[in-house]
């Protein structure tokens, strides 16, 4: 998976963010991951975890 695919996957949901993180680990093992890419996926994953927790306590917030 390339960077754009991983970022897109990570923004879908917490489960998808976790999947992107796992895919990033596989990509890292192949030597084609950069520190910037890892940091970007990690930030998205953290945001998804925060969103999941908010929705768990407050209910879904919906879109714009």
PDB file of N, CA and C in Angstrom:
ATOM      1  N   UNK A   1       0.840  -1.186   0.000  1.00  0.00           N
ATOM      2  CA  UNK A   1       0.000   0.000   0.000  1.00  0.00           C
ATOM      3  C   UNK A   1       0.878   1.239   0.000  1.00  0.00           C
ATOM      4  N   UNK A   2       0.495   2.216  -0.795  1.00  0.00           N
ATOM      5  CA  UNK A   2       1.264   3.451  -0.777  1.00  0.00           C
ATOM      6  C   UNK A   2       0.711   4.401   0.289  1.00  0.00           C
ATOM      7  N   UNK A   3       1.382   5.507   0.472  1.00  0.00           N
ATOM      8  CA  UNK A   3       1.040   6.479   1.509  1.00  0.00           C
ATOM      9  C   UNK A   3      -0.406   6.951   1.393  1.00  0.00           C
ATOM     10  N   UNK A   4      -0.825   7.322   0.198  1.00  0.00           N
ATOM     11  CA  UNK A   4      -2.184   7.831   0.009  1.00  0.00           C
ATOM     12  C   UNK A   4      -3.231   6.783   0.360  1.00  0.00           C
ATOM     13  N   UNK A   5      -2.998   5.547  -0.008  1.00  0.00           N
ATOM     14  CA  UNK A   5      -3.937   4.479   0.322  1.00  0.00           C
ATOM     15  C   UNK A   5      -4.020   4.280   1.831  1.00  0.00           C
ATOM     16  N   UNK A   6      -2.877   4.315   2.507  1.00  0.00           N
ATOM     17  CA  UNK A   6      -2.871   4.134   3.958  1.00  0.00           C
ATOM     18  C   UNK A   6      -3.590   5.274   4.666  1.00  0.00           C
ATOM     19  N   UNK A   7      -3.340   6.506   4.235  1.00  0.00           N
ATOM     20  CA  UNK A   7      -3.993   7.661   4.861  1.00  0.00           C
ATOM     21  C   UNK A   7      -5.498   7.599   4.624  1.00  0.00           C
ATOM     22  N   UNK A   8      -5.910   7.289   3.401  1.00  0.00           N
ATOM     23  CA  UNK A   8      -7.345   7.188   3.097  1.00  0.00           C
ATOM     24  C   UNK A   8      -7.988   6.111   3.958  1.00  0.00           C
ATOM     25  N   UNK A   9      -7.361   4.970   4.065  1.00  0.00           N
ATOM     26  CA  UNK A   9      -7.878   3.885   4.886  1.00  0.00           C
ATOM     27  C   UNK A   9      -7.987   4.318   6.342  1.00  0.00           C
ATOM     28  N   UNK A  10      -6.986   4.992   6.842  1.00  0.00           N
ATOM     29  CA  UNK A  10      -6.961   5.387   8.251  1.00  0.00           C
ATOM     30  C   UNK A  10      -8.065   6.365   8.606  1.00  0.00           C
ATOM     31  N   UNK A  11      -8.552   7.142   7.640  1.00  0.00           N
ATOM     32  CA  UNK A  11      -9.571   8.144   7.944  1.00  0.00           C
ATOM     33  C   UNK A  11     -10.987   7.580   7.945  1.00  0.00           C
ATOM     34  N   UNK A  12     -11.166   6.332   7.568  1.00  0.00           N
ATOM     35  CA  UNK A  12     -12.511   5.763   7.479  1.00  0.00           C
ATOM     36  C   UNK A  12     -13.130   5.497   8.849  1.00  0.00           C
ATOM     37  N   UNK A  13     -12.434   4.814   9.739  1.00  0.00           N
ATOM     38  CA  UNK A  13     -12.955   4.470  11.060  1.00  0.00           C
ATOM     39  C   UNK A  13     -11.788   4.035  11.938  1.00  0.00           C
ATOM     40  N   UNK A  14     -12.079   3.800  13.214  1.00  0.00           N
ATOM     41  CA  UNK A  14     -11.021   3.341  14.115  1.00  0.00           C
ATOM     42  C   UNK A  14     -10.488   1.985  13.670  1.00  0.00           C
ATOM     43  N   UNK A  15     -11.369   1.073  13.304  1.00  0.00           N
ATOM     44  CA  UNK A  15     -10.903  -0.236  12.827  1.00  0.00           C
ATOM     45  C   UNK A  15     -10.021  -0.087  11.594  1.00  0.00           C
ATOM     46  N   UNK A  16     -10.428   0.801  10.682  1.00  0.00           N
ATOM     47  CA  UNK A  16      -9.627   1.031   9.486  1.00  0.00           C
ATOM     48  C   UNK A  16      -8.300   1.701   9.827  1.00  0.00           C
ATOM     49  N   UNK A  17      -8.320   2.585  10.816  1.00  0.00           N
ATOM     50  CA  UNK A  17      -7.073   3.221  11.250  1.00  0.00           C
ATOM     51  C   UNK A  17      -6.121   2.171  11.809  1.00  0.00           C
ATOM     52  N   UNK A  18      -6.657   1.245  12.582  1.00  0.00           N
ATOM     53  CA  UNK A  18      -5.823   0.171  13.116  1.00  0.00           C
ATOM     54  C   UNK A  18      -5.293  -0.721  11.997  1.00  0.00           C
ATOM     55  N   UNK A  19      -6.126  -0.987  10.999  1.00  0.00           N
ATOM     56  CA  UNK A  19      -5.674  -1.784   9.854  1.00  0.00           C
ATOM     57  C   UNK A  19      -4.565  -1.064   9.092  1.00  0.00           C
ATOM     58  N   UNK A  20      -4.726   0.245   8.921  1.00  0.00           N
ATOM     59  CA  UNK A  20      -3.686   1.023   8.240  1.00  0.00           C
ATOM     60  C   UNK A  20      -2.383   0.959   9.024  1.00  0.00           C
ATOM     61  N   UNK A  21      -2.485   1.023  10.347  1.00  0.00           N
ATOM     62  CA  UNK A  21      -1.285   0.955  11.191  1.00  0.00           C
ATOM     63  C   UNK A  21      -0.601  -0.398  11.013  1.00  0.00           C
ATOM     64  N   UNK A  22      -1.386  -1.478  10.968  1.00  0.00           N
ATOM     65  CA  UNK A  22      -0.820  -2.807  10.746  1.00  0.00           C
ATOM     66  C   UNK A  22      -0.180  -2.900   9.357  1.00  0.00           C
ATOM     67  N   UNK A  23      -0.856  -2.360   8.352  1.00  0.00           N
ATOM     68  CA  UNK A  23      -0.292  -2.358   7.000  1.00  0.00           C
ATOM     69  C   UNK A  23       0.986  -1.537   6.942  1.00  0.00           C
ATOM     70  N   UNK A  24       1.023  -0.467   7.716  1.00  0.00           N
ATOM     71  CA  UNK A  24       2.221   0.365   7.770  1.00  0.00           C
ATOM     72  C   UNK A  24       3.390  -0.454   8.306  1.00  0.00           C
ATOM     73  N   UNK A  25       3.137  -1.286   9.307  1.00  0.00           N
ATOM     74  CA  UNK A  25       4.194  -2.133   9.859  1.00  0.00           C
ATOM     75  C   UNK A  25       4.736  -3.090   8.800  1.00  0.00           C
ATOM     76  N   UNK A  26       3.848  -3.643   7.990  1.00  0.00           N
ATOM     77  CA  UNK A  26       4.272  -4.538   6.911  1.00  0.00           C
ATOM     78  C   UNK A  26       5.077  -3.760   5.880  1.00  0.00           C
ATOM     79  N   UNK A  27       4.584  -2.565   5.528  1.00  0.00           N
ATOM     80  CA  UNK A  27       5.286  -1.720   4.561  1.00  0.00           C
ATOM     81  C   UNK A  27       6.656  -1.329   5.098  1.00  0.00           C
ATOM     82  N   UNK A  28       6.708  -1.033   6.396  1.00  0.00           N
ATOM     83  CA  UNK A  28       7.977  -0.653   7.024  1.00  0.00           C
ATOM     84  C   UNK A  28       8.988  -1.796   6.910  1.00  0.00           C
ATOM     85  N   UNK A  29       8.509  -3.012   7.101  1.00  0.00           N
ATOM     86  CA  UNK A  29       9.402  -4.168   7.010  1.00  0.00           C
ATOM     87  C   UNK A  29      10.002  -4.294   5.614  1.00  0.00           C
ATOM     88  N   UNK A  30       9.267  -3.837   4.603  1.00  0.00           N
ATOM     89  CA  UNK A  30       9.793  -3.908   3.238  1.00  0.00           C
ATOM     90  C   UNK A  30      10.733  -2.749   2.929  1.00  0.00           C
ATOM     91  N   UNK A  31      10.846  -1.793   3.857  1.00  0.00           N
ATOM     92  CA  UNK A  31      11.789  -0.692   3.695  1.00  0.00           C
ATOM     93  C   UNK A  31      11.274   0.484   2.893  1.00  0.00           C
ATOM     94  N   UNK A  32       9.972   0.524   2.588  1.00  0.00           N
ATOM     95  CA  UNK A  32       9.467   1.610   1.748  1.00  0.00           C
ATOM     96  C   UNK A  32       8.644   2.645   2.517  1.00  0.00           C
ATOM     97  N   UNK A  33       8.799   2.693   3.826  1.00  0.00           N
ATOM     98  CA  UNK A  33       8.044   3.659   4.626  1.00  0.00           C
ATOM     99  C   UNK A  33       8.980   4.755   5.120  1.00  0.00           C
ATOM    100  N   UNK A  34       8.455   5.965   5.185  1.00  0.00           N
ATOM    101  CA  UNK A  34       9.247   7.076   5.700  1.00  0.00           C
ATOM    102  C   UNK A  34       8.755   7.447   7.089  1.00  0.00           C
ATOM    103  N   UNK A  35       9.570   8.164   7.824  1.00  0.00           N
ATOM    104  CA  UNK A  35       9.171   8.619   9.158  1.00  0.00           C
ATOM    105  C   UNK A  35       7.957   9.535   9.067  1.00  0.00           C
ATOM    106  N   UNK A  36       7.913  10.375   8.039  1.00  0.00           N
ATOM    107  CA  UNK A  36       6.774  11.281   7.863  1.00  0.00           C
ATOM    108  C   UNK A  36       5.486  10.489   7.651  1.00  0.00           C
ATOM    109  N   UNK A  37       5.562   9.452   6.838  1.00  0.00           N
ATOM    110  CA  UNK A  37       4.396   8.614   6.570  1.00  0.00           C
ATOM    111  C   UNK A  37       3.920   7.935   7.852  1.00  0.00           C
ATOM    112  N   UNK A  38       4.834   7.394   8.618  1.00  0.00           N
ATOM    113  CA  UNK A  38       4.471   6.742   9.875  1.00  0.00           C
ATOM    114  C   UNK A  38       3.826   7.735  10.834  1.00  0.00           C
ATOM    115  N   UNK A  39       4.379   8.931  10.925  1.00  0.00           N
ATOM    116  CA  UNK A  39       3.825   9.948  11.818  1.00  0.00           C
ATOM    117  C   UNK A  39       2.431  10.366  11.374  1.00  0.00           C
ATOM    118  N   UNK A  40       2.224  10.494  10.082  1.00  0.00           N
ATOM    119  CA  UNK A  40       0.915  10.894   9.564  1.00  0.00           C
ATOM    120  C   UNK A  40      -0.144   9.839   9.878  1.00  0.00           C
ATOM    121  N   UNK A  41       0.168   8.585   9.643  1.00  0.00           N
ATOM    122  CA  UNK A  41      -0.778   7.506   9.942  1.00  0.00           C
ATOM    123  C   UNK A  41      -1.043   7.452  11.441  1.00  0.00           C
ATOM    124  N   UNK A  42      -0.008   7.622  12.258  1.00  0.00           N
ATOM    125  CA  UNK A  42      -0.188   7.584  13.707  1.00  0.00           C
ATOM    126  C   UNK A  42      -1.112   8.706  14.165  1.00  0.00           C
ATOM    127  N   UNK A  43      -0.917   9.921  13.627  1.00  0.00           N
ATOM    128  CA  UNK A  43      -1.785  11.054  14.006  1.00  0.00           C
ATOM    129  C   UNK A  43      -3.237  10.785  13.629  1.00  0.00           C
ATOM    130  N   UNK A  44      -3.458  10.249  12.446  1.00  0.00           N
ATOM    131  CA  UNK A  44      -4.824   9.941  12.014  1.00  0.00           C
ATOM    132  C   UNK A  44      -5.430   8.879  12.925  1.00  0.00           C
ATOM    133  N   UNK A  45      -4.645   7.894  13.274  1.00  0.00           N
ATOM    134  CA  UNK A  45      -5.128   6.814  14.147  1.00  0.00           C
ATOM    135  C   UNK A  45      -5.521   7.367  15.513  1.00  0.00           C
ATOM    136  N   UNK A  46      -4.706   8.249  16.059  1.00  0.00           N
ATOM    137  CA  UNK A  46      -5.024   8.856  17.355  1.00  0.00           C
ATOM    138  C   UNK A  46      -6.319   9.659  17.259  1.00  0.00           C
ATOM    139  N   UNK A  47      -6.481  10.421  16.185  1.00  0.00           N
ATOM    140  CA  UNK A  47      -7.728  11.187  16.004  1.00  0.00           C
ATOM    141  C   UNK A  47      -8.931  10.253  15.926  1.00  0.00           C
ATOM    142  N   UNK A  48      -8.783   9.130  15.246  1.00  0.00           N
ATOM    143  CA  UNK A  48      -9.885   8.171  15.151  1.00  0.00           C
ATOM    144  C   UNK A  48     -10.205   7.578  16.526  1.00  0.00           C
ATOM    145  N   UNK A  49      -9.178   7.299  17.330  1.00  0.00           N
ATOM    146  CA  UNK A  49      -9.416   6.782  18.679  1.00  0.00           C
ATOM    147  C   UNK A  49     -10.163   7.812  19.519  1.00  0.00           C
ATOM    148  N   UNK A  50      -9.763   9.080  19.410  1.00  0.00           N
ATOM    149  CA  UNK A  50     -10.442  10.146  20.149  1.00  0.00           C
ATOM    150  C   UNK A  50     -11.892  10.276  19.695  1.00  0.00           C
ATOM    151  N   UNK A  51     -12.120  10.219  18.398  1.00  0.00           N
ATOM    152  CA  UNK A  51     -13.481  10.308  17.856  1.00  0.00           C
ATOM    153  C   UNK A  51     -14.329   9.137  18.341  1.00  0.00           C
ATOM    154  N   UNK A  52     -13.752   7.949  18.323  1.00  0.00           N
ATOM    155  CA  UNK A  52     -14.458   6.759  18.791  1.00  0.00           C
ATOM    156  C   UNK A  52     -14.882   6.930  20.248  1.00  0.00           C
ATOM    157  N   UNK A  53     -13.973   7.411  21.073  1.00  0.00           N
ATOM    158  CA  UNK A  53     -14.292   7.611  22.501  1.00  0.00           C
ATOM    159  C   UNK A  53     -15.382   8.661  22.684  1.00  0.00           C
ATOM    160  N   UNK A  54     -15.296   9.771  21.943  1.00  0.00           N
ATOM    161  CA  UNK A  54     -16.337  10.812  22.031  1.00  0.00           C
ATOM    162  C   UNK A  54     -17.695  10.248  21.645  1.00  0.00           C
ATOM    163  N   UNK A  55     -17.736   9.514  20.542  1.00  0.00           N
ATOM    164  CA  UNK A  55     -19.004   8.958  20.079  1.00  0.00           C
ATOM    165  C   UNK A  55     -19.527   7.893  21.030  1.00  0.00           C
ATOM    166  N   UNK A  56     -18.624   7.180  21.655  1.00  0.00           N
ATOM    167  CA  UNK A  56     -19.040   6.159  22.611  1.00  0.00           C
ATOM    168  C   UNK A  56     -19.756   6.794  23.795  1.00  0.00           C
ATOM    169  N   UNK A  57     -19.261   7.946  24.236  1.00  0.00           N
ATOM    170  CA  UNK A  57     -19.857   8.627  25.384  1.00  0.00           C
ATOM    171  C   UNK A  57     -21.001   9.554  24.996  1.00  0.00           C
ATOM    172  N   UNK A  58     -20.915  10.206  23.857  1.00  0.00           N
ATOM    173  CA  UNK A  58     -21.897  11.229  23.480  1.00  0.00           C
ATOM    174  C   UNK A  58     -22.841  10.811  22.373  1.00  0.00           C
ATOM    175  N   UNK A  59     -22.595   9.690  21.736  1.00  0.00           N
ATOM    176  CA  UNK A  59     -23.378   9.291  20.573  1.00  0.00           C
ATOM    177  C   UNK A  59     -22.754   9.878  19.315  1.00  0.00           C
ATOM    178  N   UNK A  60     -23.163   9.377  18.158  1.00  0.00           N
ATOM    179  CA  UNK A  60     -22.609   9.887  16.893  1.00  0.00           C
ATOM    180  C   UNK A  60     -22.872  11.381  16.729  1.00  0.00           C
ATOM    181  N   UNK A  61     -21.886  12.093  16.205  1.00  0.00           N
ATOM    182  CA  UNK A  61     -22.014  13.543  16.037  1.00  0.00           C
ATOM    183  C   UNK A  61     -22.503  13.916  14.656  1.00  0.00           C
ATOM    184  N   UNK A  62     -22.430  13.023  13.709  1.00  0.00           N
ATOM    185  CA  UNK A  62     -22.874  13.325  12.350  1.00  0.00           C
ATOM    186  C   UNK A  62     -21.855  14.147  11.595  1.00  0.00           C
ATOM    187  N   UNK A  63     -22.226  14.555  10.394  1.00  0.00           N
ATOM    188  CA  UNK A  63     -21.324  15.335   9.537  1.00  0.00           C
ATOM    189  C   UNK A  63     -21.503  16.810   9.761  1.00  0.00           C
ATOM    190  N   UNK A  64     -21.091  17.579   8.758  1.00  0.00           N
ATOM    191  CA  UNK A  64     -21.185  19.034   8.855  1.00  0.00           C
ATOM    192  C   UNK A  64     -22.602  19.518   8.863  1.00  0.00           C
TER     193      UNK A  64
END
